[in-house]
Amino acid sequence: MVQNIFRSGFLVRVSHTVLTFLITLVLFLHNTDLRRDEDQGEFLGPLLFFLLVMGSVLLYLTVSLMDPGFVLTDTGKVLQCSDEEVESMVPRSLTPRLRRCGYCLLQQPMRAKHCQTCKQCVRRYDHHCPWIENCVGERNHRWFLVYLLVQLLVLLWALHIALSGFSPSASWQLWLRANGILLAALCVVTVCSLVTLLLLGSHLYLVSINCTTWEFMSRHRISYLKGCGNEANPFDRGVVCNLWAFFCMCRTVAWEQVYLTNLKGDGVSPSTSLSLTESCPL
């Protein structure tokens, strides 16, 4: 039973939540701007900070527990065209073919990958995140970025609050005794801020070019990217369209059709490619 709880990510989620509230408690109890605002009867700042912390925790649990886009059954009609139409658009050697997973034996749609930790195939697989103990894929990737943004705001605000709480002392020993806990909280917040900033920046860049972490790191091993050149991305539809589709389109894109359209090079606009989708409410 203990092993099952650990595999489910329960300990990781509890540890993250407990650490978040412990640091928040330290910031409220020490003589920081939050404490001084409370003493002066100004509760707007402390209330907003607490609500932002709660929002980050709820987003964390949402991203951690939601389905990232598991492939549960064999992919049906991925391409809505006949073999003759496909052959007329691109050479047969470039025609994408469904790959059957060697682990779960399901047919994978394009850009899907089997996660060894989750033991399932994930649509538009990005990576398995040990921070949330879940895969980041088609269904939760945008919420993962929203969580990173909110978490970064919380951490930067917490960093400012922590810096405002240090009190001077006559000696180093006395200073460390008075500010040791706050200093530890500041170190944790600083490290988490740098990691979150790096993650958010890298993911926003990859989203802007419509590329996943897996595709970026393993391009040389992915069959549908090997023949596209070192820099070419068959899924890139321009920065604006990429960002719009990622954050505002709640649909499962038929990436096989986008792939074929871009290879054909017949001038089909990004909007046309976006229409080749199947409805998939989140």
Protein backbone atom coordinates (compact mmCIF):
# COMPACT_ATOMS: atom_id res chain seq x y z
CA MET A 1 0.00 0.00 0.00
CA VAL A 2 2.82 2.40 0.85
CA GLN A 3 4.42 1.65 -2.52
CA ASN A 4 1.15 2.42 -4.34
CA ILE A 5 0.79 5.73 -2.50
CA PHE A 6 4.33 6.69 -3.45
CA ARG A 7 3.76 5.75 -7.09
CA SER A 8 0.59 7.82 -7.24
CA GLY A 9 2.57 10.94 -6.38
CA PHE A 10 0.77 11.44 -3.07
CA LEU A 11 3.97 12.13 -1.11
CA VAL A 12 5.28 14.58 -3.71
CA ARG A 13 2.03 16.55 -3.79
CA VAL A 14 1.70 16.63 -0.02
CA SER A 15 5.33 17.71 0.37
CA HIS A 16 4.90 20.53 -2.15
CA THR A 17 1.68 21.75 -0.51
CA VAL A 18 3.09 21.56 3.03
CA LEU A 19 6.29 23.38 2.03
CA THR A 20 4.25 26.11 0.33
CA PHE A 21 2.15 26.76 3.42
CA LEU A 22 5.16 26.55 5.77
CA ILE A 23 6.98 29.28 3.84
CA THR A 24 3.79 31.35 3.73
CA LEU A 25 3.44 30.95 7.51
CA VAL A 26 7.06 32.05 8.04
CA LEU A 27 6.46 35.17 5.96
CA PHE A 28 3.35 36.03 7.98
CA LEU A 29 4.91 35.40 11.41
CA HIS A 30 8.19 37.27 10.92
CA ASN A 31 8.42 41.05 10.97
CA THR A 32 7.91 41.38 7.22
CA ASP A 33 5.79 43.78 5.20
CA LEU A 34 2.86 41.37 5.59
CA ARG A 35 3.10 41.45 9.38
CA ARG A 36 3.50 45.22 9.47
CA ASP A 37 0.47 45.68 7.21
CA GLU A 38 -1.58 43.49 9.55
CA ASP A 39 -0.44 45.47 12.59
CA GLN A 40 -1.49 48.69 10.88
CA GLY A 41 -4.91 47.28 9.95
CA GLU A 42 -4.17 47.10 6.23
CA PHE A 43 -5.34 43.65 5.17
CA LEU A 44 -5.58 44.04 1.38
CA GLY A 45 -1.95 43.13 0.67
CA PRO A 46 -1.84 40.08 2.97
CA LEU A 47 -5.22 38.89 1.66
CA LEU A 48 -4.14 39.18 -1.99
CA PHE A 49 -0.91 37.34 -1.27
CA PHE A 50 -2.75 34.53 0.52
CA LEU A 51 -5.29 34.22 -2.31
CA LEU A 52 -2.46 34.07 -4.86
CA VAL A 53 -0.78 31.32 -2.84
CA MET A 54 -4.06 29.38 -2.69
CA GLY A 55 -4.50 29.84 -6.43
CA SER A 56 -1.04 28.44 -7.10
CA VAL A 57 -1.73 25.40 -4.89
CA LEU A 58 -5.06 24.72 -6.62
CA LEU A 59 -3.46 25.03 -10.05
CA TYR A 60 -0.66 22.70 -8.95
CA LEU A 61 -3.13 20.05 -7.82
CA THR A 62 -5.21 20.50 -10.98
CA VAL A 63 -2.24 20.02 -13.32
CA SER A 64 -0.91 17.19 -11.19
CA LEU A 65 -4.14 15.20 -11.07
CA MET A 66 -5.70 15.82 -14.49
CA ASP A 67 -5.43 13.54 -17.51
CA PRO A 68 -2.51 14.80 -19.63
CA GLY A 69 -3.97 13.19 -22.75
CA PHE A 70 -3.57 9.44 -22.30
CA VAL A 71 -4.15 7.32 -25.40
CA LEU A 72 -6.76 4.84 -24.15
CA THR A 73 -7.76 3.12 -27.40
CA ASP A 74 -6.35 2.56 -30.87
CA THR A 75 -6.41 5.67 -33.03
CA GLY A 76 -9.20 5.38 -35.57
CA LYS A 77 -9.43 7.49 -38.68
CA VAL A 78 -6.45 9.75 -38.15
CA LEU A 79 -6.20 10.84 -41.75
CA GLN A 80 -9.45 11.89 -43.37
CA CYS A 81 -8.27 11.07 -46.87
CA SER A 82 -7.69 8.00 -48.96
CA ASP A 83 -4.35 6.39 -49.72
CA GLU A 84 -4.50 7.81 -53.24
CA GLU A 85 -4.96 11.35 -51.91
CA VAL A 86 -2.07 10.95 -49.50
CA GLU A 87 0.18 9.60 -52.23
CA SER A 88 -0.70 12.50 -54.51
CA MET A 89 0.15 15.05 -51.83
CA VAL A 90 3.53 13.72 -50.72
CA PRO A 91 5.82 10.86 -51.70
CA ARG A 92 4.95 7.56 -50.04
CA SER A 93 8.30 7.61 -48.23
CA LEU A 94 7.19 10.74 -46.38
CA THR A 95 3.65 9.57 -45.64
CA PRO A 96 3.24 9.33 -41.86
CA ARG A 97 2.21 5.94 -40.63
CA LEU A 98 0.71 5.02 -37.31
CA ARG A 99 3.23 3.52 -34.92
CA ARG A 100 2.18 0.77 -32.57
CA CYS A 101 3.59 1.25 -29.07
CA GLY A 102 5.94 -1.51 -28.02
CA TYR A 103 4.74 -1.28 -24.41
CA CYS A 104 0.95 -0.85 -24.36
CA LEU A 105 0.49 -2.09 -27.98
CA LEU A 106 -1.80 0.81 -28.91
CA GLN A 107 -1.53 2.77 -32.13
CA GLN A 108 0.02 6.12 -31.34
CA PRO A 109 -1.16 9.32 -33.02
CA MET A 110 1.62 11.55 -34.28
CA ARG A 111 3.56 13.38 -31.53
CA ALA A 112 2.46 10.85 -28.90
CA LYS A 113 4.97 8.94 -26.77
CA HIS A 114 4.85 6.21 -24.17
CA CYS A 115 5.75 7.38 -20.66
CA GLN A 116 7.69 4.77 -18.72
CA THR A 117 6.65 6.30 -15.38
CA CYS A 118 2.92 6.60 -16.10
CA LYS A 119 3.01 3.41 -18.21
CA GLN A 120 0.70 4.94 -20.84
CA CYS A 121 1.01 6.74 -24.15
CA VAL A 122 0.39 10.50 -24.00
CA ARG A 123 -0.85 12.69 -26.87
CA ARG A 124 1.50 15.52 -27.83
CA TYR A 125 3.87 14.31 -25.15
CA ASP A 126 6.10 17.02 -23.72
CA HIS A 127 7.79 15.46 -20.70
CA HIS A 128 7.14 13.69 -17.41
CA CYS A 129 7.49 16.25 -14.64
CA PRO A 130 8.65 14.89 -11.25
CA TRP A 131 7.54 18.19 -9.68
CA ILE A 132 3.88 17.39 -10.36
CA GLU A 133 4.34 13.60 -10.63
CA ASN A 134 2.42 13.59 -13.88
CA CYS A 135 3.05 13.84 -17.59
CA VAL A 136 2.74 17.16 -19.37
CA GLY A 137 0.82 16.52 -22.56
CA GLU A 138 -1.93 17.71 -24.84
CA ARG A 139 -4.65 18.24 -22.22
CA ASN A 140 -2.71 19.83 -19.35
CA HIS A 141 0.22 21.58 -21.04
CA ARG A 142 -1.48 24.99 -21.19
CA TRP A 143 -2.53 24.69 -17.55
CA PHE A 144 1.04 23.75 -16.68
CA LEU A 145 2.23 27.06 -18.15
CA VAL A 146 -0.52 28.99 -16.35
CA TYR A 147 0.57 27.32 -13.11
CA LEU A 148 4.22 28.24 -13.75
CA LEU A 149 3.23 31.88 -14.34
CA VAL A 150 1.14 32.10 -11.16
CA GLN A 151 3.84 30.26 -9.19
CA LEU A 152 6.49 32.68 -10.45
CA LEU A 153 4.39 35.66 -9.34
CA VAL A 154 3.97 34.10 -5.89
CA LEU A 155 7.69 33.38 -5.58
CA LEU A 156 8.78 36.85 -6.68
CA TRP A 157 6.34 38.45 -4.25
CA ALA A 158 7.52 36.09 -1.49
CA LEU A 159 11.12 37.02 -2.31
CA HIS A 160 10.32 40.71 -1.84
CA ILE A 161 8.46 39.99 1.41
CA ALA A 162 11.29 37.86 2.80
CA LEU A 163 13.88 40.55 2.07
CA SER A 164 11.79 43.07 3.98
CA GLY A 165 11.84 40.96 7.16
CA PHE A 166 15.53 40.84 8.06
CA SER A 167 16.39 42.73 11.25
CA PRO A 168 19.91 43.96 12.14
CA SER A 169 21.80 42.57 15.14
CA ALA A 170 24.98 43.36 17.05
CA SER A 171 26.78 40.19 15.95
CA TRP A 172 26.60 37.56 13.26
CA GLN A 173 25.50 34.89 15.73
CA LEU A 174 22.62 37.00 17.02
CA TRP A 175 21.59 37.93 13.48
CA LEU A 176 21.58 34.30 12.41
CA ARG A 177 19.57 33.29 15.46
CA ALA A 178 16.98 35.99 14.80
CA ASN A 179 16.78 35.53 11.03
CA GLY A 180 17.82 31.91 10.45
CA ILE A 181 14.36 30.57 9.62
CA LEU A 182 13.62 33.52 7.35
CA LEU A 183 17.00 33.06 5.66
CA ALA A 184 16.21 29.38 4.99
CA ALA A 185 12.84 30.36 3.51
CA LEU A 186 14.56 32.99 1.36
CA CYS A 187 17.02 30.39 -0.01
CA VAL A 188 14.19 27.99 -0.91
CA VAL A 189 12.18 30.77 -2.58
CA THR A 190 15.23 31.97 -4.54
CA VAL A 191 16.05 28.52 -5.90
CA CYS A 192 12.41 27.84 -6.79
CA SER A 193 12.15 31.24 -8.47
CA LEU A 194 15.14 30.55 -10.73
CA VAL A 195 13.88 27.06 -11.63
CA THR A 196 10.35 28.32 -12.34
CA LEU A 197 11.64 31.22 -14.43
CA LEU A 198 13.82 28.87 -16.47
CA LEU A 199 10.95 26.41 -17.00
CA LEU A 200 8.47 29.13 -17.97
CA GLY A 201 10.87 30.79 -20.40
CA SER A 202 11.87 27.55 -22.11
CA HIS A 203 8.27 26.33 -22.42
CA LEU A 204 7.05 29.64 -23.82
CA TYR A 205 9.80 29.50 -26.44
CA LEU A 206 8.93 25.93 -27.42
CA VAL A 207 5.22 26.74 -27.57
CA SER A 208 5.94 29.75 -29.80
CA ILE A 209 7.58 27.44 -32.37
CA ASN A 210 5.08 24.59 -31.78
CA CYS A 211 7.67 22.15 -30.52
CA THR A 212 7.63 19.90 -27.46
CA THR A 213 10.46 19.27 -25.02
CA TRP A 214 10.67 15.67 -26.21
CA GLU A 215 10.89 16.71 -29.87
CA PHE A 216 13.46 19.40 -29.08
CA MET A 217 15.72 17.06 -27.08
CA SER A 218 15.29 13.90 -29.19
CA ARG A 219 14.83 15.25 -32.70
CA HIS A 220 17.50 12.95 -34.13
CA ARG A 221 15.59 9.87 -32.88
CA ILE A 222 12.06 10.84 -33.99
CA SER A 223 11.11 9.33 -37.34
CA TYR A 224 8.75 12.08 -38.55
CA LEU A 225 11.38 14.79 -37.87
CA LYS A 226 14.47 13.09 -39.30
CA GLY A 227 13.63 13.95 -42.90
CA CYS A 228 12.71 17.58 -42.23
CA GLY A 229 16.21 19.01 -41.89
CA ASN A 230 18.00 20.21 -38.81
CA GLU A 231 15.94 23.38 -38.32
CA ALA A 232 12.65 22.71 -40.14
CA ASN A 233 9.57 22.17 -37.99
CA PRO A 234 6.58 20.70 -39.88
CA PHE A 235 4.16 21.83 -37.16
CA ASP A 236 5.21 25.49 -36.98
CA ARG A 237 2.41 27.81 -38.18
CA GLY A 238 3.92 31.09 -37.04
CA VAL A 239 4.34 32.53 -33.55
CA VAL A 240 0.91 34.17 -33.34
CA CYS A 241 -1.00 31.15 -34.64
CA ASN A 242 1.05 28.79 -32.46
CA LEU A 243 0.32 30.76 -29.30
CA TRP A 244 -3.34 31.24 -30.22
CA ALA A 245 -3.86 27.56 -30.91
CA PHE A 246 -2.04 26.52 -27.75
CA PHE A 247 -3.80 28.80 -25.27
CA CYS A 248 -7.19 29.37 -26.91
CA MET A 249 -8.09 26.26 -28.93
CA CYS A 250 -9.52 23.46 -26.77
CA ARG A 251 -9.25 20.82 -29.46
CA THR A 252 -7.22 17.80 -30.39
CA VAL A 253 -5.29 18.68 -33.53
CA ALA A 254 -4.89 15.98 -36.18
CA TRP A 255 -1.14 16.46 -36.43
CA GLU A 256 -0.90 13.98 -39.31
CA GLN A 257 -2.93 16.34 -41.48
CA VAL A 258 -0.89 19.39 -40.44
CA TYR A 259 2.26 17.42 -41.20
CA LEU A 260 1.06 16.43 -44.67
CA THR A 261 -0.20 19.92 -45.46
CA ASN A 262 3.16 21.51 -44.60
CA LEU A 263 5.08 18.90 -46.56
CA LYS A 264 2.85 19.41 -49.56
CA GLY A 265 3.67 23.11 -49.49
CA ASP A 266 0.53 24.16 -51.38
CA GLY A 267 0.08 27.46 -49.52
CA VAL A 268 -2.56 26.27 -47.06
CA SER A 269 -2.91 28.87 -44.33
CA PRO A 270 -2.60 28.12 -40.61
CA SER A 271 -6.32 28.73 -40.20
CA THR A 272 -7.05 25.93 -42.67
CA SER A 273 -4.77 23.60 -40.76
CA LEU A 274 -6.54 24.46 -37.53
CA SER A 275 -9.88 23.51 -39.06
CA LEU A 276 -8.63 19.95 -39.57
CA THR A 277 -9.33 19.06 -35.96
CA GLU A 278 -11.61 16.94 -33.84
CA SER A 279 -13.58 18.43 -30.99
CA CYS A 280 -12.17 17.46 -27.60
CA PRO A 281 -13.50 19.55 -24.69
CA LEU A 282 -11.20 19.66 -21.69
